[in-house]
Amino acid sequence: MRADIGFGWIAFAGFLFWVLQVLRTGGQGTVRRGPQAPMPRPPRPDASQREGERLEELLRGLQGRLEQAGAGTRGKTTIVIKRPAPVSGPARQRPKPARSRAAEPEEGASLEAPVDREAEAEALERRRLEAVATRNEELTDADHAAFEARIREEDGAARTRTTARRLTPGQLREAFVWSEILAAPVALKE
């Protein structure tokens, strides 16, 4: 055998190897070598993502309940718009106010009135000092009793105005659900 093969044959073998690799990969232009690394697993969702998923499920449930409730009342809903009846008779015109010539300023006269800002500032300062003095006075037992009576009176009036309302378990559940929906995300709660 001959030891001198030549450079041409080596180049031809390399070219042939390259063509076979291209054909084997399907012309994608990249040669895959060895087994590919497995795809990384997606990270576990954090607390706010889990809460978001739960809220989406809850909202889907609420939407389904609304659609069910709406399906039972479709076709039965009527909207009545009542408009006020037209006013019969002629519309009254407002009488125009009579202007006197004496109330109008003379032509060329100034409309500006002299204002003493310094006197206004002094009066304001006096009122503020009086308010501070009354606020800083010590309260007596009579003041405390009057305050207590006023609070008790307001509390009693508020209790008579509002009646205790009993909530059903379903209403409590919905109130809790809506408080969870409208509250800050779990990740932001302390």
N, C-alpha and C. Protein backbone atom coordinates (compact mmCIF):
# COMPACT_ATOMS: atom_id res chain seq x y z
N MET A 1 0.80 -1.17 0.00
CA MET A 1 0.00 0.00 0.00
C MET A 1 0.85 1.23 0.00
N ARG A 2 0.29 2.15 -0.55
CA ARG A 2 1.03 3.37 -0.72
C ARG A 2 0.79 4.31 0.45
N ALA A 3 1.79 4.95 0.99
CA ALA A 3 1.69 5.80 2.18
C ALA A 3 1.27 7.21 1.81
N ASP A 4 1.43 7.56 0.58
CA ASP A 4 1.11 8.92 0.16
C ASP A 4 -0.30 8.96 -0.43
N ILE A 5 -1.30 9.26 0.42
CA ILE A 5 -2.69 9.26 -0.05
C ILE A 5 -2.99 10.60 -0.69
N GLY A 6 -2.57 11.67 -0.11
CA GLY A 6 -2.78 13.00 -0.67
C GLY A 6 -3.86 13.76 0.08
N PHE A 7 -3.79 15.06 -0.05
CA PHE A 7 -4.69 15.93 0.67
C PHE A 7 -6.07 15.96 0.02
N GLY A 8 -6.20 15.77 -1.24
CA GLY A 8 -7.46 15.82 -1.97
C GLY A 8 -8.44 14.77 -1.47
N TRP A 9 -7.91 13.55 -1.20
CA TRP A 9 -8.79 12.48 -0.72
C TRP A 9 -9.32 12.78 0.68
N ILE A 10 -8.51 13.41 1.51
CA ILE A 10 -8.96 13.76 2.86
C ILE A 10 -10.05 14.83 2.78
N ALA A 11 -9.89 15.83 1.92
CA ALA A 11 -10.89 16.88 1.75
C ALA A 11 -12.18 16.28 1.20
N PHE A 12 -12.08 15.33 0.25
CA PHE A 12 -13.25 14.69 -0.33
C PHE A 12 -13.99 13.88 0.74
N ALA A 13 -13.30 13.18 1.61
CA ALA A 13 -13.92 12.38 2.66
C ALA A 13 -14.62 13.30 3.66
N GLY A 14 -14.02 14.44 3.99
CA GLY A 14 -14.65 15.40 4.90
C GLY A 14 -15.91 15.98 4.29
N PHE A 15 -15.86 16.33 3.01
CA PHE A 15 -17.03 16.88 2.32
C PHE A 15 -18.15 15.84 2.28
N LEU A 16 -17.81 14.60 1.98
CA LEU A 16 -18.79 13.54 1.91
C LEU A 16 -19.44 13.31 3.30
N PHE A 17 -18.64 13.36 4.34
CA PHE A 17 -19.15 13.22 5.70
C PHE A 17 -20.11 14.36 6.03
N TRP A 18 -19.78 15.57 5.63
CA TRP A 18 -20.65 16.74 5.87
C TRP A 18 -21.97 16.58 5.13
N VAL A 19 -21.96 16.14 3.88
CA VAL A 19 -23.19 15.96 3.10
C VAL A 19 -24.08 14.92 3.76
N LEU A 20 -23.48 13.83 4.22
CA LEU A 20 -24.27 12.79 4.86
C LEU A 20 -24.90 13.31 6.17
N GLN A 21 -24.18 14.12 6.89
CA GLN A 21 -24.73 14.69 8.13
C GLN A 21 -25.90 15.62 7.83
N VAL A 22 -25.78 16.42 6.77
CA VAL A 22 -26.86 17.34 6.39
C VAL A 22 -28.08 16.54 5.99
N LEU A 23 -27.89 15.50 5.23
CA LEU A 23 -29.01 14.67 4.81
C LEU A 23 -29.65 13.97 6.02
N ARG A 24 -28.86 13.56 6.95
CA ARG A 24 -29.37 12.87 8.11
C ARG A 24 -30.18 13.80 9.02
N THR A 25 -29.78 15.06 9.17
CA THR A 25 -30.51 16.00 10.01
C THR A 25 -31.70 16.61 9.29
N GLY A 26 -31.90 16.31 8.06
CA GLY A 26 -33.06 16.81 7.32
C GLY A 26 -32.87 18.22 6.81
N GLY A 27 -31.67 18.64 6.62
CA GLY A 27 -31.43 19.95 6.06
C GLY A 27 -31.68 21.09 7.03
N GLN A 28 -31.69 20.82 8.31
CA GLN A 28 -31.93 21.87 9.28
C GLN A 28 -30.70 22.73 9.51
N GLY A 29 -29.60 22.30 9.10
CA GLY A 29 -28.39 23.10 9.18
C GLY A 29 -27.64 22.92 10.47
N THR A 30 -28.17 22.22 11.41
CA THR A 30 -27.46 22.01 12.66
C THR A 30 -27.27 20.52 12.87
N VAL A 31 -26.14 20.18 13.34
CA VAL A 31 -25.84 18.78 13.59
C VAL A 31 -26.07 18.52 15.07
N ARG A 32 -26.89 17.53 15.36
CA ARG A 32 -27.16 17.18 16.75
C ARG A 32 -26.18 16.10 17.17
N ARG A 33 -25.54 16.37 18.25
CA ARG A 33 -24.56 15.40 18.74
C ARG A 33 -24.94 14.98 20.14
N GLY A 34 -25.03 13.74 20.37
CA GLY A 34 -25.31 13.21 21.69
C GLY A 34 -26.75 13.43 22.11
N PRO A 35 -27.12 12.90 23.24
CA PRO A 35 -28.49 13.08 23.72
C PRO A 35 -28.72 14.52 24.16
N GLN A 36 -29.93 15.00 23.89
CA GLN A 36 -30.26 16.37 24.28
C GLN A 36 -30.57 16.42 25.78
N ALA A 37 -30.28 17.57 26.34
CA ALA A 37 -30.56 17.77 27.76
C ALA A 37 -32.08 17.87 27.94
N PRO A 38 -32.61 17.29 29.01
CA PRO A 38 -34.07 17.38 29.21
C PRO A 38 -34.47 18.83 29.45
N MET A 39 -35.69 19.13 29.05
CA MET A 39 -36.22 20.49 29.22
C MET A 39 -36.36 20.76 30.73
N PRO A 40 -36.01 21.96 31.17
CA PRO A 40 -36.14 22.26 32.59
C PRO A 40 -37.61 22.29 32.99
N ARG A 41 -37.90 21.78 34.18
CA ARG A 41 -39.27 21.78 34.66
C ARG A 41 -39.69 23.21 34.99
N PRO A 42 -40.94 23.55 34.71
CA PRO A 42 -41.37 24.90 35.07
C PRO A 42 -41.38 25.05 36.58
N PRO A 43 -41.02 26.23 37.06
CA PRO A 43 -40.97 26.44 38.52
C PRO A 43 -42.38 26.36 39.10
N ARG A 44 -42.44 25.97 40.37
CA ARG A 44 -43.73 25.94 41.05
C ARG A 44 -44.27 27.35 41.16
N PRO A 45 -45.56 27.53 40.96
CA PRO A 45 -46.11 28.88 41.09
C PRO A 45 -46.00 29.38 42.52
N ASP A 46 -45.75 30.69 42.65
CA ASP A 46 -45.63 31.24 43.99
C ASP A 46 -47.03 31.50 44.57
N ALA A 47 -47.07 32.04 45.75
CA ALA A 47 -48.34 32.19 46.47
C ALA A 47 -49.33 33.06 45.71
N SER A 48 -48.87 34.15 45.12
CA SER A 48 -49.80 35.04 44.42
C SER A 48 -50.34 34.38 43.16
N GLN A 49 -49.51 33.55 42.49
CA GLN A 49 -50.01 32.85 41.30
C GLN A 49 -51.04 31.80 41.70
N ARG A 50 -50.79 31.08 42.80
CA ARG A 50 -51.77 30.10 43.26
C ARG A 50 -53.08 30.80 43.65
N GLU A 51 -52.95 31.94 44.31
CA GLU A 51 -54.15 32.68 44.69
C GLU A 51 -54.89 33.15 43.44
N GLY A 52 -54.16 33.60 42.45
CA GLY A 52 -54.79 34.03 41.20
C GLY A 52 -55.54 32.89 40.54
N GLU A 53 -54.95 31.68 40.55
CA GLU A 53 -55.64 30.54 39.97
C GLU A 53 -56.91 30.22 40.73
N ARG A 54 -56.85 30.28 42.08
CA ARG A 54 -58.04 30.01 42.87
C ARG A 54 -59.11 31.06 42.61
N LEU A 55 -58.70 32.32 42.47
CA LEU A 55 -59.68 33.37 42.20
C LEU A 55 -60.31 33.20 40.82
N GLU A 56 -59.50 32.76 39.84
CA GLU A 56 -60.07 32.50 38.51
C GLU A 56 -61.11 31.41 38.58
N GLU A 57 -60.83 30.34 39.33
CA GLU A 57 -61.81 29.26 39.49
C GLU A 57 -63.07 29.79 40.17
N LEU A 58 -62.89 30.60 41.19
CA LEU A 58 -64.02 31.17 41.90
C LEU A 58 -64.86 32.06 40.98
N LEU A 59 -64.18 32.89 40.20
CA LEU A 59 -64.90 33.78 39.29
C LEU A 59 -65.65 32.98 38.21
N ARG A 60 -65.03 31.88 37.74
CA ARG A 60 -65.73 31.04 36.77
C ARG A 60 -66.98 30.45 37.40
N GLY A 61 -66.87 30.03 38.67
CA GLY A 61 -68.04 29.50 39.37
C GLY A 61 -69.12 30.55 39.53
N LEU A 62 -68.72 31.76 39.91
CA LEU A 62 -69.69 32.84 40.06
C LEU A 62 -70.34 33.18 38.72
N GLN A 63 -69.54 33.17 37.66
CA GLN A 63 -70.08 33.47 36.34
C GLN A 63 -71.09 32.41 35.94
N GLY A 64 -70.78 31.15 36.23
CA GLY A 64 -71.72 30.07 35.92
C GLY A 64 -73.02 30.24 36.69
N ARG A 65 -72.91 30.62 37.98
CA ARG A 65 -74.12 30.83 38.78
C ARG A 65 -74.94 31.99 38.24
N LEU A 66 -74.26 33.05 37.80
CA LEU A 66 -74.98 34.19 37.22
C LEU A 66 -75.67 33.80 35.92
N GLU A 67 -74.97 33.02 35.11
CA GLU A 67 -75.58 32.59 33.84
C GLU A 67 -76.78 31.69 34.09
N GLN A 68 -76.68 30.82 35.11
CA GLN A 68 -77.82 29.96 35.44
C GLN A 68 -78.99 30.81 35.93
N ALA A 69 -78.70 31.78 36.77
CA ALA A 69 -79.76 32.65 37.27
C ALA A 69 -80.35 33.48 36.14
N GLY A 70 -79.49 33.92 35.23
CA GLY A 70 -79.96 34.73 34.11
C GLY A 70 -80.76 33.90 33.11
N ALA A 71 -80.43 32.61 32.97
CA ALA A 71 -81.14 31.77 32.02
C ALA A 71 -82.58 31.56 32.47
N GLY A 72 -82.81 31.52 33.77
CA GLY A 72 -84.16 31.32 34.29
C GLY A 72 -85.04 32.54 34.13
N THR A 73 -84.45 33.72 34.01
CA THR A 73 -85.24 34.95 33.93
C THR A 73 -85.24 35.56 32.54
N ARG A 74 -84.61 34.91 31.58
CA ARG A 74 -84.58 35.49 30.23
C ARG A 74 -85.98 35.50 29.64
N GLY A 75 -86.27 36.54 28.93
CA GLY A 75 -87.57 36.66 28.29
C GLY A 75 -88.62 37.25 29.22
N LYS A 76 -88.40 37.20 30.50
CA LYS A 76 -89.36 37.72 31.47
C LYS A 76 -89.04 39.14 31.87
N THR A 77 -87.84 39.61 31.61
CA THR A 77 -87.42 40.92 32.05
C THR A 77 -88.00 41.98 31.13
N THR A 78 -88.67 42.94 31.73
CA THR A 78 -89.16 44.08 30.96
C THR A 78 -88.69 45.35 31.66
N ILE A 79 -88.34 46.31 30.88
CA ILE A 79 -87.88 47.58 31.41
C ILE A 79 -88.91 48.64 31.05
N VAL A 80 -89.39 49.33 32.04
CA VAL A 80 -90.38 50.37 31.84
C VAL A 80 -89.73 51.69 32.17
N ILE A 81 -89.78 52.60 31.21
CA ILE A 81 -89.22 53.94 31.42
C ILE A 81 -90.38 54.91 31.46
N LYS A 82 -90.52 55.57 32.59
CA LYS A 82 -91.60 56.54 32.74
C LYS A 82 -91.02 57.94 32.55
N ARG A 83 -91.64 58.67 31.68
CA ARG A 83 -91.22 60.04 31.44
C ARG A 83 -92.28 60.96 32.04
N PRO A 84 -91.86 62.11 32.53
CA PRO A 84 -92.86 63.03 33.09
C PRO A 84 -93.78 63.54 31.99
N ALA A 85 -95.02 63.74 32.36
CA ALA A 85 -96.00 64.24 31.40
C ALA A 85 -95.65 65.67 31.03
N PRO A 86 -95.92 66.05 29.79
CA PRO A 86 -95.60 67.42 29.38
C PRO A 86 -96.49 68.41 30.15
N VAL A 87 -95.93 69.54 30.45
CA VAL A 87 -96.64 70.57 31.19
C VAL A 87 -97.65 71.21 30.26
N SER A 88 -98.90 71.24 30.70
CA SER A 88 -99.93 71.84 29.87
C SER A 88 -99.99 73.34 30.15
N GLY A 89 -100.27 74.07 29.14
CA GLY A 89 -100.37 75.52 29.31
C GLY A 89 -99.09 76.20 28.86
N PRO A 90 -99.13 77.50 28.70
CA PRO A 90 -97.95 78.22 28.24
C PRO A 90 -96.88 78.29 29.32
N ALA A 91 -95.65 78.23 28.87
CA ALA A 91 -94.53 78.33 29.81
C ALA A 91 -94.40 79.77 30.28
N ARG A 92 -94.18 79.93 31.59
CA ARG A 92 -94.05 81.27 32.14
C ARG A 92 -92.63 81.76 31.97
N GLN A 93 -92.50 82.97 31.58
CA GLN A 93 -91.21 83.61 31.45
C GLN A 93 -90.90 84.33 32.76
N ARG A 94 -89.68 84.28 33.17
CA ARG A 94 -89.29 85.01 34.38
C ARG A 94 -89.21 86.49 34.06
N PRO A 95 -89.70 87.30 34.95
CA PRO A 95 -89.57 88.74 34.69
C PRO A 95 -88.12 89.15 34.87
N LYS A 96 -87.69 90.05 33.99
CA LYS A 96 -86.31 90.53 34.08
C LYS A 96 -86.20 91.53 35.21
N PRO A 97 -85.14 91.45 36.01
CA PRO A 97 -85.01 92.41 37.10
C PRO A 97 -84.78 93.82 36.56
N ALA A 98 -85.41 94.73 37.22
CA ALA A 98 -85.27 96.12 36.80
C ALA A 98 -83.96 96.67 37.37
N ARG A 99 -83.21 97.31 36.50
CA ARG A 99 -81.95 97.90 36.93
C ARG A 99 -82.11 99.41 37.06
N SER A 100 -81.59 99.85 38.12
CA SER A 100 -81.64 101.31 38.30
C SER A 100 -80.33 101.91 37.83
N ARG A 101 -80.41 103.10 37.36
CA ARG A 101 -79.21 103.78 36.87
C ARG A 101 -78.28 104.14 38.02
N ALA A 102 -78.85 104.26 39.21
CA ALA A 102 -78.04 104.67 40.35
C ALA A 102 -77.10 103.55 40.79
N ALA A 103 -77.51 102.27 40.55
CA ALA A 103 -76.70 101.13 40.98
C ALA A 103 -75.50 100.92 40.06
N GLU A 104 -75.60 101.38 38.84
CA GLU A 104 -74.50 101.21 37.90
C GLU A 104 -73.41 102.24 38.19
N PRO A 105 -72.17 101.83 38.09
CA PRO A 105 -71.09 102.79 38.35
C PRO A 105 -70.99 103.79 37.21
N GLU A 106 -70.48 104.90 37.56
CA GLU A 106 -70.28 105.93 36.54
C GLU A 106 -69.18 105.48 35.60
N GLU A 107 -69.28 105.93 34.40
CA GLU A 107 -68.27 105.57 33.42
C GLU A 107 -66.95 106.20 33.83
N GLY A 108 -65.93 105.37 33.85
CA GLY A 108 -64.61 105.84 34.23
C GLY A 108 -64.32 105.68 35.71
N ALA A 109 -65.34 105.30 36.51
CA ALA A 109 -65.12 105.12 37.95
C ALA A 109 -64.52 103.73 38.19
N SER A 110 -63.71 103.60 39.19
CA SER A 110 -63.05 102.34 39.50
C SER A 110 -64.02 101.42 40.22
N LEU A 111 -64.02 100.13 39.85
CA LEU A 111 -64.86 99.13 40.50
C LEU A 111 -64.15 98.50 41.70
N GLU A 112 -62.90 98.79 41.88
CA GLU A 112 -62.14 98.22 42.98
C GLU A 112 -62.45 98.94 44.27
N ALA A 113 -62.68 98.14 45.31
CA ALA A 113 -62.91 98.72 46.62
C ALA A 113 -61.63 98.57 47.42
N PRO A 114 -61.29 99.55 48.21
CA PRO A 114 -60.07 99.42 49.01
C PRO A 114 -60.23 98.31 50.04
N VAL A 115 -59.23 97.45 50.14
CA VAL A 115 -59.26 96.33 51.08
C VAL A 115 -58.05 96.45 51.99
N ASP A 116 -58.32 96.29 53.26
CA ASP A 116 -57.24 96.36 54.24
C ASP A 116 -56.85 94.93 54.61
N ARG A 117 -55.86 94.40 53.92
CA ARG A 117 -55.42 93.01 54.15
C ARG A 117 -54.76 92.84 55.51
N GLU A 118 -54.15 93.87 55.99
CA GLU A 118 -53.46 93.77 57.28
C GLU A 118 -54.47 93.57 58.41
N ALA A 119 -55.60 94.28 58.36
CA ALA A 119 -56.63 94.14 59.39
C ALA A 119 -57.25 92.74 59.31
N GLU A 120 -57.44 92.22 58.09
CA GLU A 120 -57.99 90.86 57.93
C GLU A 120 -57.02 89.83 58.51
N ALA A 121 -55.74 90.01 58.27
CA ALA A 121 -54.73 89.07 58.79
C ALA A 121 -54.70 89.10 60.31
N GLU A 122 -54.81 90.29 60.90
CA GLU A 122 -54.82 90.41 62.35
C GLU A 122 -56.05 89.75 62.96
N ALA A 123 -57.20 89.91 62.32
CA ALA A 123 -58.44 89.28 62.81
C ALA A 123 -58.34 87.76 62.72
N LEU A 124 -57.77 87.26 61.63
CA LEU A 124 -57.58 85.82 61.46
C LEU A 124 -56.65 85.27 62.53
N GLU A 125 -55.57 85.99 62.79
CA GLU A 125 -54.62 85.55 63.82
C GLU A 125 -55.29 85.52 65.19
N ARG A 126 -56.12 86.53 65.49
CA ARG A 126 -56.83 86.57 66.75
C ARG A 126 -57.77 85.37 66.90
N ARG A 127 -58.52 85.04 65.83
CA ARG A 127 -59.44 83.90 65.88
C ARG A 127 -58.68 82.60 66.09
N ARG A 128 -57.54 82.46 65.45
CA ARG A 128 -56.75 81.24 65.61
C ARG A 128 -56.20 81.11 67.03
N LEU A 129 -55.74 82.22 67.60
CA LEU A 129 -55.23 82.17 68.97
C LEU A 129 -56.34 81.84 69.97
N GLU A 130 -57.55 82.36 69.74
CA GLU A 130 -58.68 82.03 70.60
C GLU A 130 -59.03 80.55 70.50
N ALA A 131 -58.99 80.01 69.30
CA ALA A 131 -59.29 78.58 69.11
C ALA A 131 -58.26 77.71 69.81
N VAL A 132 -56.99 78.11 69.74
CA VAL A 132 -55.93 77.35 70.42
C VAL A 132 -56.13 77.42 71.92
N ALA A 133 -56.49 78.59 72.43
CA ALA A 133 -56.68 78.74 73.88
C ALA A 133 -57.84 77.88 74.36
N THR A 134 -58.95 77.86 73.62
CA THR A 134 -60.09 77.03 74.05
C THR A 134 -59.77 75.54 73.93
N ARG A 135 -58.98 75.17 72.94
CA ARG A 135 -58.61 73.77 72.78
C ARG A 135 -57.68 73.30 73.89
N ASN A 136 -56.80 74.19 74.37
CA ASN A 136 -55.80 73.82 75.37
C ASN A 136 -56.30 73.91 76.80
N GLU A 137 -57.52 74.40 77.02
CA GLU A 137 -58.05 74.49 78.37
C GLU A 137 -58.29 73.09 78.91
N GLU A 138 -58.11 72.94 80.22
CA GLU A 138 -58.36 71.65 80.84
C GLU A 138 -59.86 71.40 80.89
N LEU A 139 -60.25 70.15 80.66
CA LEU A 139 -61.66 69.80 80.69
C LEU A 139 -62.07 69.48 82.13
N THR A 140 -63.26 69.91 82.47
CA THR A 140 -63.78 69.67 83.81
C THR A 140 -64.65 68.41 83.80
N ASP A 141 -65.10 68.01 84.99
CA ASP A 141 -65.98 66.85 85.08
C ASP A 141 -67.30 67.12 84.37
N ALA A 142 -67.76 68.36 84.38
CA ALA A 142 -68.99 68.72 83.68
C ALA A 142 -68.82 68.55 82.18
N ASP A 143 -67.63 68.91 81.65
CA ASP A 143 -67.36 68.73 80.23
C ASP A 143 -67.39 67.26 79.86
N HIS A 144 -66.77 66.43 80.71
CA HIS A 144 -66.75 64.99 80.45
C HIS A 144 -68.16 64.41 80.50
N ALA A 145 -68.96 64.85 81.47
CA ALA A 145 -70.33 64.35 81.59
C ALA A 145 -71.17 64.76 80.38
N ALA A 146 -70.99 66.00 79.92
CA ALA A 146 -71.73 66.47 78.74
C ALA A 146 -71.33 65.67 77.50
N PHE A 147 -70.04 65.41 77.37
CA PHE A 147 -69.56 64.61 76.24
C PHE A 147 -70.13 63.20 76.29
N GLU A 148 -70.09 62.59 77.45
CA GLU A 148 -70.61 61.23 77.65
C GLU A 148 -72.09 61.18 77.29
N ALA A 149 -72.88 62.18 77.76
CA ALA A 149 -74.31 62.22 77.47
C ALA A 149 -74.55 62.36 75.97
N ARG A 150 -73.77 63.20 75.31
CA ARG A 150 -73.93 63.39 73.87
C ARG A 150 -73.62 62.11 73.11
N ILE A 151 -72.57 61.40 73.51
CA ILE A 151 -72.21 60.16 72.85
C ILE A 151 -73.29 59.10 73.07
N ARG A 152 -73.76 58.98 74.30
CA ARG A 152 -74.81 58.00 74.60
C ARG A 152 -76.07 58.31 73.79
N GLU A 153 -76.42 59.59 73.68
CA GLU A 153 -77.60 59.99 72.92
C GLU A 153 -77.44 59.63 71.45
N GLU A 154 -76.28 59.91 70.87
CA GLU A 154 -76.04 59.59 69.47
C GLU A 154 -76.04 58.08 69.25
N ASP A 155 -75.47 57.33 70.20
CA ASP A 155 -75.42 55.88 70.09
C ASP A 155 -76.83 55.30 70.15
N GLY A 156 -77.67 55.82 71.07
CA GLY A 156 -79.04 55.35 71.18
C GLY A 156 -79.84 55.66 69.92
N ALA A 157 -79.63 56.83 69.35
CA ALA A 157 -80.33 57.21 68.12
C ALA A 157 -79.90 56.32 66.97
N ALA A 158 -78.62 55.99 66.92
CA ALA A 158 -78.13 55.13 65.84
C ALA A 158 -78.69 53.72 65.97
N ARG A 159 -78.84 53.24 67.19
CA ARG A 159 -79.37 51.89 67.40
C ARG A 159 -80.84 51.81 67.02
N THR A 160 -81.60 52.86 67.28
CA THR A 160 -83.02 52.83 66.92
C THR A 160 -83.20 52.94 65.42
N ARG A 161 -82.31 53.62 64.74
CA ARG A 161 -82.43 53.76 63.28
C ARG A 161 -82.12 52.47 62.55
N THR A 162 -81.14 51.73 63.03
CA THR A 162 -80.73 50.51 62.33
C THR A 162 -81.27 49.30 63.06
N THR A 163 -81.81 48.38 62.32
CA THR A 163 -82.27 47.14 62.91
C THR A 163 -81.23 46.08 62.66
N ALA A 164 -81.10 45.14 63.57
CA ALA A 164 -80.12 44.06 63.42
C ALA A 164 -80.58 43.18 62.27
N ARG A 165 -79.71 42.99 61.30
CA ARG A 165 -80.03 42.21 60.12
C ARG A 165 -79.39 40.85 60.24
N ARG A 166 -80.15 39.81 60.07
CA ARG A 166 -79.63 38.45 60.14
C ARG A 166 -79.19 38.03 58.74
N LEU A 167 -77.99 37.49 58.66
CA LEU A 167 -77.46 37.03 57.38
C LEU A 167 -77.56 35.51 57.32
N THR A 168 -77.89 35.02 56.14
CA THR A 168 -77.94 33.58 55.94
C THR A 168 -76.52 33.08 55.73
N PRO A 169 -76.28 31.78 55.90
CA PRO A 169 -74.94 31.25 55.65
C PRO A 169 -74.46 31.51 54.22
N GLY A 170 -75.38 31.48 53.28
CA GLY A 170 -75.00 31.77 51.88
C GLY A 170 -74.54 33.20 51.70
N GLN A 171 -75.23 34.13 52.37
CA GLN A 171 -74.82 35.54 52.28
C GLN A 171 -73.48 35.76 52.96
N LEU A 172 -73.25 35.08 54.08
CA LEU A 172 -71.95 35.19 54.75
C LEU A 172 -70.85 34.63 53.86
N ARG A 173 -71.10 33.50 53.20
CA ARG A 173 -70.11 32.89 52.32
C ARG A 173 -69.77 33.84 51.17
N GLU A 174 -70.81 34.42 50.56
CA GLU A 174 -70.55 35.34 49.45
C GLU A 174 -69.82 36.59 49.93
N ALA A 175 -70.16 37.07 51.11
CA ALA A 175 -69.45 38.24 51.65
C ALA A 175 -67.99 37.91 51.87
N PHE A 176 -67.71 36.73 52.39
CA PHE A 176 -66.32 36.32 52.60
C PHE A 176 -65.59 36.20 51.27
N VAL A 177 -66.25 35.61 50.28
CA VAL A 177 -65.62 35.45 48.96
C VAL A 177 -65.29 36.81 48.37
N TRP A 178 -66.23 37.75 48.46
CA TRP A 178 -65.97 39.07 47.89
C TRP A 178 -64.89 39.81 48.68
N SER A 179 -64.82 39.58 49.98
CA SER A 179 -63.74 40.22 50.74
C SER A 179 -62.39 39.66 50.32
N GLU A 180 -62.33 38.37 49.97
CA GLU A 180 -61.08 37.79 49.49
C GLU A 180 -60.73 38.33 48.10
N ILE A 181 -61.75 38.51 47.27
CA ILE A 181 -61.50 39.02 45.92
C ILE A 181 -60.99 40.46 45.97
N LEU A 182 -61.59 41.26 46.81
CA LEU A 182 -61.26 42.68 46.83
C LEU A 182 -60.10 43.01 47.75
N ALA A 183 -59.64 42.06 48.55
CA ALA A 183 -58.53 42.32 49.47
C ALA A 183 -57.21 42.32 48.73
N ALA A 184 -56.17 42.73 49.43
CA ALA A 184 -54.83 42.74 48.86
C ALA A 184 -54.38 41.30 48.61
N PRO A 185 -53.49 41.06 47.63
CA PRO A 185 -52.99 39.71 47.37
C PRO A 185 -52.27 39.15 48.60
N VAL A 186 -52.27 37.82 48.67
CA VAL A 186 -51.65 37.14 49.82
C VAL A 186 -50.19 37.52 49.95
N ALA A 187 -49.51 37.68 48.82
CA ALA A 187 -48.08 38.03 48.86
C ALA A 187 -47.84 39.39 49.52
N LEU A 188 -48.84 40.27 49.49
CA LEU A 188 -48.67 41.61 50.05
C LEU A 188 -49.20 41.70 51.48
N LYS A 189 -49.91 40.67 51.94
CA LYS A 189 -50.42 40.72 53.30
C LYS A 189 -49.29 40.47 54.29
N GLU A 190 -49.39 41.08 55.44
CA GLU A 190 -48.33 40.92 56.43
C GLU A 190 -48.77 39.98 57.52
